[in-house]
Amino acid sequence: MYKLFNTKNIIKLLAVLFITFTVASCQRDDAAAEDDIPQEDLTNIVLLVMEKDKPETKTPYNYSIGAGGVPTMILEDGKTYEVEVQFLNGNEDATQEIKDAKDEHFLTFSFPNSDITLSRTDDASSTRNIDGNRVGLKTTWVVNKAIQNASSPSQLILTLYHESASTSEASAPNGSGAVYGSQTGGETDAQANYTITN
């Protein structure tokens, strides 16, 4: 009588299971590598803020991801600022990696208690080919009123999205302020909060 579990059959079965496991592991590794900047690789989000009339002075506001603490940005009513977003992985600048995969990334800016008019000023290096929308690494802010309601905190909530199904540069109301940019699908790569004061 033929034995199902003889030595040869067991060896063949183990070989098939090993190959199956190896292929599955490789597929998981490839999927994990799809995000060129995994969340755990981003440690800091720095806003470089320059008053338009004083191009020689850039003030950095450094948000440390997962470390707690919220940087306070000083913005004066009636002033215009040029703002650049920089992403760090430790001491390394990871911003270029976002530019290299610009079709996969998009930033939104939410000002729930500030009257700030934001315009995206990205050049071709951070303008998405897929839909023509600008990622938001460079923006201009016109500060109409830094603090709308003195009894509520004014802040910026900055969010970096990865592989959104769709993106839009349009603005929409958000509390007594506005949010600039929207998206659907994808996932959040990083988020930073900054307090706004004048």
C-alpha atoms as a PDB file:
ATOM      1  CA  MET A   1       0.000   0.000   0.000  1.00  0.00           C
ATOM      2  CA  TYR A   2       1.263   3.482  -0.931  1.00  0.00           C
ATOM      3  CA  LYS A   3       2.180   5.550   2.098  1.00  0.00           C
ATOM      4  CA  LEU A   4       1.141   9.212   1.903  1.00  0.00           C
ATOM      5  CA  PHE A   5       3.600  10.330   4.561  1.00  0.00           C
ATOM      6  CA  ASN A   6       6.762   8.557   3.476  1.00  0.00           C
ATOM      7  CA  THR A   7      10.108  10.370   3.695  1.00  0.00           C
ATOM      8  CA  LYS A   8      10.172  11.546   0.053  1.00  0.00           C
ATOM      9  CA  ASN A   9       6.691  13.061   0.253  1.00  0.00           C
ATOM     10  CA  ILE A  10       7.492  14.871   3.506  1.00  0.00           C
ATOM     11  CA  ILE A  11      10.667  16.353   1.971  1.00  0.00           C
ATOM     12  CA  LYS A  12       8.727  17.506  -1.124  1.00  0.00           C
ATOM     13  CA  LEU A  13       6.019  19.053   1.061  1.00  0.00           C
ATOM     14  CA  LEU A  14       8.577  20.917   3.176  1.00  0.00           C
ATOM     15  CA  ALA A  15      10.299  22.214   0.008  1.00  0.00           C
ATOM     16  CA  VAL A  16       6.994  23.533  -1.378  1.00  0.00           C
ATOM     17  CA  LEU A  17       6.151  25.216   1.944  1.00  0.00           C
ATOM     18  CA  PHE A  18       9.610  26.828   2.117  1.00  0.00           C
ATOM     19  CA  ILE A  19       9.334  28.237  -1.431  1.00  0.00           C
ATOM     20  CA  THR A  20       5.810  29.524  -0.739  1.00  0.00           C
ATOM     21  CA  PHE A  21       6.929  31.244   2.470  1.00  0.00           C
ATOM     22  CA  THR A  22       9.967  32.799   0.746  1.00  0.00           C
ATOM     23  CA  VAL A  23       7.865  34.219  -2.112  1.00  0.00           C
ATOM     24  CA  ALA A  24       5.263  35.602   0.315  1.00  0.00           C
ATOM     25  CA  SER A  25       8.003  37.236   2.404  1.00  0.00           C
ATOM     26  CA  CYS A  26       9.517  38.888  -0.667  1.00  0.00           C
ATOM     27  CA  GLN A  27       6.127  40.243  -1.706  1.00  0.00           C
ATOM     28  CA  ARG A  28       5.574  41.754   1.754  1.00  0.00           C
ATOM     29  CA  ASP A  29       9.047  43.325   1.688  1.00  0.00           C
ATOM     30  CA  ASP A  30       8.356  44.854  -1.737  1.00  0.00           C
ATOM     31  CA  ALA A  31       5.004  46.250  -0.539  1.00  0.00           C
ATOM     32  CA  ALA A  32       6.631  47.775   2.523  1.00  0.00           C
ATOM     33  CA  ALA A  33       9.262  49.405   0.322  1.00  0.00           C
ATOM     34  CA  GLU A  34       6.646  51.167  -1.813  1.00  0.00           C
ATOM     35  CA  ASP A  35       6.585  54.159   0.535  1.00  0.00           C
ATOM     36  CA  ASP A  36       9.898  55.859  -0.165  1.00  0.00           C
ATOM     37  CA  ILE A  37       9.689  57.699   3.175  1.00  0.00           C
ATOM     38  CA  PRO A  38       8.147  55.435   5.806  1.00  0.00           C
ATOM     39  CA  GLN A  39       6.623  57.271   8.772  1.00  0.00           C
ATOM     40  CA  GLU A  40       9.321  56.017  11.122  1.00  0.00           C
ATOM     41  CA  ASP A  41      12.035  57.597   8.918  1.00  0.00           C
ATOM     42  CA  LEU A  42      10.763  61.160   9.428  1.00  0.00           C
ATOM     43  CA  THR A  43      11.890  62.740  12.700  1.00  0.00           C
ATOM     44  CA  ASN A  44      11.342  66.486  12.183  1.00  0.00           C
ATOM     45  CA  ILE A  45       9.278  68.904  10.117  1.00  0.00           C
ATOM     46  CA  VAL A  46      10.854  72.334   9.897  1.00  0.00           C
ATOM     47  CA  LEU A  47       9.106  75.456   8.620  1.00  0.00           C
ATOM     48  CA  LEU A  48      11.544  78.065   7.316  1.00  0.00           C
ATOM     49  CA  VAL A  49       9.607  81.344   7.577  1.00  0.00           C
ATOM     50  CA  MET A  50      10.876  84.500   5.907  1.00  0.00           C
ATOM     51  CA  GLU A  51       9.170  87.884   5.969  1.00  0.00           C
ATOM     52  CA  LYS A  52       8.835  88.947   2.345  1.00  0.00           C
ATOM     53  CA  ASP A  53      10.355  92.384   2.961  1.00  0.00           C
ATOM     54  CA  LYS A  54      13.303  90.851   4.858  1.00  0.00           C
ATOM     55  CA  PRO A  55      14.654  88.070   2.610  1.00  0.00           C
ATOM     56  CA  GLU A  56      17.901  87.883   4.575  1.00  0.00           C
ATOM     57  CA  THR A  57      16.192  86.461   7.672  1.00  0.00           C
ATOM     58  CA  LYS A  58      14.724  82.944   7.838  1.00  0.00           C
ATOM     59  CA  THR A  59      13.230  81.762  11.115  1.00  0.00           C
ATOM     60  CA  PRO A  60      13.104  77.960  11.579  1.00  0.00           C
ATOM     61  CA  TYR A  61      10.210  76.400  13.484  1.00  0.00           C
ATOM     62  CA  ASN A  62      11.152  72.810  14.232  1.00  0.00           C
ATOM     63  CA  TYR A  63       8.462  70.233  15.046  1.00  0.00           C
ATOM     64  CA  SER A  64       9.895  66.990  16.435  1.00  0.00           C
ATOM     65  CA  ILE A  65       7.653  64.063  15.488  1.00  0.00           C
ATOM     66  CA  GLY A  66       6.589  61.988  18.476  1.00  0.00           C
ATOM     67  CA  ALA A  67       8.655  64.005  20.953  1.00  0.00           C
ATOM     68  CA  GLY A  68       5.859  66.237  22.228  1.00  0.00           C
ATOM     69  CA  GLY A  69       5.988  70.009  22.362  1.00  0.00           C
ATOM     70  CA  VAL A  70       4.495  72.442  19.860  1.00  0.00           C
ATOM     71  CA  PRO A  71       6.629  75.215  18.314  1.00  0.00           C
ATOM     72  CA  THR A  72       5.181  78.723  18.468  1.00  0.00           C
ATOM     73  CA  MET A  73       5.272  80.753  15.252  1.00  0.00           C
ATOM     74  CA  ILE A  74       5.231  84.533  15.476  1.00  0.00           C
ATOM     75  CA  LEU A  75       3.233  86.028  12.596  1.00  0.00           C
ATOM     76  CA  GLU A  76       2.324  89.706  12.415  1.00  0.00           C
ATOM     77  CA  ASP A  77      -0.994  90.934  11.062  1.00  0.00           C
ATOM     78  CA  GLY A  78      -0.664  92.595   7.668  1.00  0.00           C
ATOM     79  CA  LYS A  79       2.645  90.893   6.834  1.00  0.00           C
ATOM     80  CA  THR A  80       3.450  88.497   3.983  1.00  0.00           C
ATOM     81  CA  TYR A  81       5.727  85.515   4.537  1.00  0.00           C
ATOM     82  CA  GLU A  82       7.521  83.065   2.269  1.00  0.00           C
ATOM     83  CA  VAL A  83       7.423  79.606   3.882  1.00  0.00           C
ATOM     84  CA  GLU A  84       9.435  76.531   2.973  1.00  0.00           C
ATOM     85  CA  VAL A  85       8.765  73.062   4.423  1.00  0.00           C
ATOM     86  CA  GLN A  86      11.748  70.840   5.169  1.00  0.00           C
ATOM     87  CA  PHE A  87      11.584  67.193   6.260  1.00  0.00           C
ATOM     88  CA  LEU A  88      14.376  65.613   8.267  1.00  0.00           C
ATOM     89  CA  ASN A  89      15.420  62.082   9.121  1.00  0.00           C
ATOM     90  CA  GLY A  90      17.739  62.752  12.045  1.00  0.00           C
ATOM     91  CA  ASN A  91      20.396  65.089  10.652  1.00  0.00           C
ATOM     92  CA  GLU A  92      19.621  64.134   7.046  1.00  0.00           C
ATOM     93  CA  ASP A  93      17.397  66.258   4.813  1.00  0.00           C
ATOM     94  CA  ALA A  94      14.630  63.996   3.446  1.00  0.00           C
ATOM     95  CA  THR A  95      12.936  66.757   1.411  1.00  0.00           C
ATOM     96  CA  GLN A  96      14.596  65.669  -1.827  1.00  0.00           C
ATOM     97  CA  GLU A  97      13.077  62.204  -1.437  1.00  0.00           C
ATOM     98  CA  ILE A  98       9.635  63.809  -1.411  1.00  0.00           C
ATOM     99  CA  LYS A  99      10.519  65.789  -4.535  1.00  0.00           C
ATOM    100  CA  ASP A 100      11.780  62.625  -6.219  1.00  0.00           C
ATOM    101  CA  ALA A 101       8.399  60.989  -5.527  1.00  0.00           C
ATOM    102  CA  LYS A 102       6.323  64.158  -5.909  1.00  0.00           C
ATOM    103  CA  ASP A 103       3.435  62.354  -7.636  1.00  0.00           C
ATOM    104  CA  GLU A 104       2.967  60.332  -4.435  1.00  0.00           C
ATOM    105  CA  HIS A 105       2.937  63.247  -1.952  1.00  0.00           C
ATOM    106  CA  PHE A 106       0.718  66.206  -1.071  1.00  0.00           C
ATOM    107  CA  LEU A 107       0.570  68.703   1.812  1.00  0.00           C
ATOM    108  CA  THR A 108      -2.488  70.288   3.398  1.00  0.00           C
ATOM    109  CA  PHE A 109      -2.411  73.391   5.620  1.00  0.00           C
ATOM    110  CA  SER A 110      -5.169  73.932   8.161  1.00  0.00           C
ATOM    111  CA  PHE A 111      -5.501  77.267  10.054  1.00  0.00           C
ATOM    112  CA  PRO A 112      -8.568  76.715  12.303  1.00  0.00           C
ATOM    113  CA  ASN A 113      -8.378  80.087  14.125  1.00  0.00           C
ATOM    114  CA  SER A 114      -6.298  82.310  11.837  1.00  0.00           C
ATOM    115  CA  ASP A 115      -7.213  84.412   8.813  1.00  0.00           C
ATOM    116  CA  ILE A 116      -4.288  83.533   6.554  1.00  0.00           C
ATOM    117  CA  THR A 117      -4.383  83.453   2.758  1.00  0.00           C
ATOM    118  CA  LEU A 118      -2.037  80.759   1.450  1.00  0.00           C
ATOM    119  CA  SER A 119      -0.731  80.378  -2.103  1.00  0.00           C
ATOM    120  CA  ARG A 120       1.423  77.485  -3.296  1.00  0.00           C
ATOM    121  CA  THR A 121       4.611  78.643  -5.028  1.00  0.00           C
ATOM    122  CA  ASP A 122       6.349  75.330  -5.764  1.00  0.00           C
ATOM    123  CA  ASP A 123       8.561  75.218  -8.828  1.00  0.00           C
ATOM    124  CA  ALA A 124       8.682  72.249 -11.224  1.00  0.00           C
ATOM    125  CA  SER A 125      10.726  70.184  -8.753  1.00  0.00           C
ATOM    126  CA  SER A 126       7.715  69.863  -6.420  1.00  0.00           C
ATOM    127  CA  THR A 127       4.802  70.115  -8.858  1.00  0.00           C
ATOM    128  CA  ARG A 128       3.035  66.817  -9.462  1.00  0.00           C
ATOM    129  CA  ASN A 129       3.074  65.498 -13.045  1.00  0.00           C
ATOM    130  CA  ILE A 130       0.064  63.312 -12.405  1.00  0.00           C
ATOM    131  CA  ASP A 131      -2.431  66.178 -11.898  1.00  0.00           C
ATOM    132  CA  GLY A 132      -0.444  69.446 -12.062  1.00  0.00           C
ATOM    133  CA  ASN A 133      -1.049  70.204  -8.376  1.00  0.00           C
ATOM    134  CA  ARG A 134       1.801  71.620  -6.323  1.00  0.00           C
ATOM    135  CA  VAL A 135       2.936  69.543  -3.348  1.00  0.00           C
ATOM    136  CA  GLY A 136       3.173  72.608  -1.071  1.00  0.00           C
ATOM    137  CA  LEU A 137       6.856  72.588  -0.120  1.00  0.00           C
ATOM    138  CA  LYS A 138       6.960  76.323  -0.887  1.00  0.00           C
ATOM    139  CA  THR A 139       4.100  78.695  -0.089  1.00  0.00           C
ATOM    140  CA  THR A 140       3.309  82.374   0.462  1.00  0.00           C
ATOM    141  CA  TRP A 141       1.200  83.384   3.463  1.00  0.00           C
ATOM    142  CA  VAL A 142      -0.654  86.709   3.701  1.00  0.00           C
ATOM    143  CA  VAL A 143      -1.517  87.160   7.382  1.00  0.00           C
ATOM    144  CA  ASN A 144      -4.791  89.080   7.537  1.00  0.00           C
ATOM    145  CA  LYS A 145      -5.287  88.225  11.221  1.00  0.00           C
ATOM    146  CA  ALA A 146      -3.021  85.811  13.054  1.00  0.00           C
ATOM    147  CA  ILE A 147      -5.540  85.254  15.870  1.00  0.00           C
ATOM    148  CA  GLN A 148      -9.216  85.344  14.970  1.00  0.00           C
ATOM    149  CA  ASN A 149     -10.681  84.569  18.390  1.00  0.00           C
ATOM    150  CA  ALA A 150      -8.528  85.408  21.426  1.00  0.00           C
ATOM    151  CA  SER A 151     -10.306  82.806  23.548  1.00  0.00           C
ATOM    152  CA  SER A 152      -9.244  79.927  21.246  1.00  0.00           C
ATOM    153  CA  PRO A 153      -5.785  78.706  20.273  1.00  0.00           C
ATOM    154  CA  SER A 154      -4.554  79.641  16.808  1.00  0.00           C
ATOM    155  CA  GLN A 155      -2.553  77.010  15.059  1.00  0.00           C
ATOM    156  CA  LEU A 156      -1.344  75.399  11.876  1.00  0.00           C
ATOM    157  CA  ILE A 157      -1.973  71.702  11.331  1.00  0.00           C
ATOM    158  CA  LEU A 158       0.342  70.555   8.530  1.00  0.00           C
ATOM    159  CA  THR A 159      -0.232  67.087   7.056  1.00  0.00           C
ATOM    160  CA  LEU A 160       1.840  65.153   4.525  1.00  0.00           C
ATOM    161  CA  TYR A 161      -0.174  62.547   2.611  1.00  0.00           C
ATOM    162  CA  HIS A 162       1.170  59.612   0.609  1.00  0.00           C
ATOM    163  CA  GLU A 163      -0.398  58.084  -2.510  1.00  0.00           C
ATOM    164  CA  SER A 164      -3.707  59.939  -2.370  1.00  0.00           C
ATOM    165  CA  ALA A 165      -6.283  58.851  -4.926  1.00  0.00           C
ATOM    166  CA  SER A 166      -6.969  62.535  -5.717  1.00  0.00           C
ATOM    167  CA  THR A 167      -5.736  65.946  -4.585  1.00  0.00           C
ATOM    168  CA  SER A 168      -6.953  69.545  -4.823  1.00  0.00           C
ATOM    169  CA  GLU A 169      -5.266  72.863  -4.092  1.00  0.00           C
ATOM    170  CA  ALA A 170      -8.604  74.528  -3.318  1.00  0.00           C
ATOM    171  CA  SER A 171      -9.339  76.026   0.098  1.00  0.00           C
ATOM    172  CA  ALA A 172     -12.338  75.386   2.341  1.00  0.00           C
ATOM    173  CA  PRO A 173     -13.625  76.875   5.628  1.00  0.00           C
ATOM    174  CA  ASN A 174     -12.286  75.307   8.824  1.00  0.00           C
ATOM    175  CA  GLY A 175     -13.632  76.740  12.062  1.00  0.00           C
ATOM    176  CA  SER A 176     -12.919  80.469  11.980  1.00  0.00           C
ATOM    177  CA  GLY A 177     -10.103  79.907   9.506  1.00  0.00           C
ATOM    178  CA  ALA A 178      -9.452  77.811   6.411  1.00  0.00           C
ATOM    179  CA  VAL A 179      -7.794  74.624   5.230  1.00  0.00           C
ATOM    180  CA  TYR A 180      -5.719  74.802   2.044  1.00  0.00           C
ATOM    181  CA  GLY A 181      -5.625  71.614   0.030  1.00  0.00           C
ATOM    182  CA  SER A 182      -7.620  68.415   0.254  1.00  0.00           C
ATOM    183  CA  GLN A 183      -7.197  64.812  -0.768  1.00  0.00           C
ATOM    184  CA  THR A 184      -8.924  61.441  -0.823  1.00  0.00           C
ATOM    185  CA  GLY A 185      -7.467  58.019  -0.115  1.00  0.00           C
ATOM    186  CA  GLY A 186      -3.849  57.222   0.616  1.00  0.00           C
ATOM    187  CA  GLU A 187      -2.347  57.518   4.080  1.00  0.00           C
ATOM    188  CA  THR A 188      -0.769  60.078   6.380  1.00  0.00           C
ATOM    189  CA  ASP A 189       3.034  60.085   6.221  1.00  0.00           C
ATOM    190  CA  ALA A 190       3.469  62.807   8.853  1.00  0.00           C
ATOM    191  CA  GLN A 191       1.589  65.547  10.717  1.00  0.00           C
ATOM    192  CA  ALA A 192       2.845  68.564  12.649  1.00  0.00           C
ATOM    193  CA  ASN A 193       1.158  71.175  14.848  1.00  0.00           C
ATOM    194  CA  TYR A 194       2.390  74.734  15.339  1.00  0.00           C
ATOM    195  CA  THR A 195       0.919  77.382  17.626  1.00  0.00           C
ATOM    196  CA  ILE A 196       0.426  80.798  15.994  1.00  0.00           C
ATOM    197  CA  THR A 197       0.858  84.016  17.910  1.00  0.00           C
ATOM    198  CA  ASN A 198       1.518  87.665  17.048  1.00  0.00           C
END
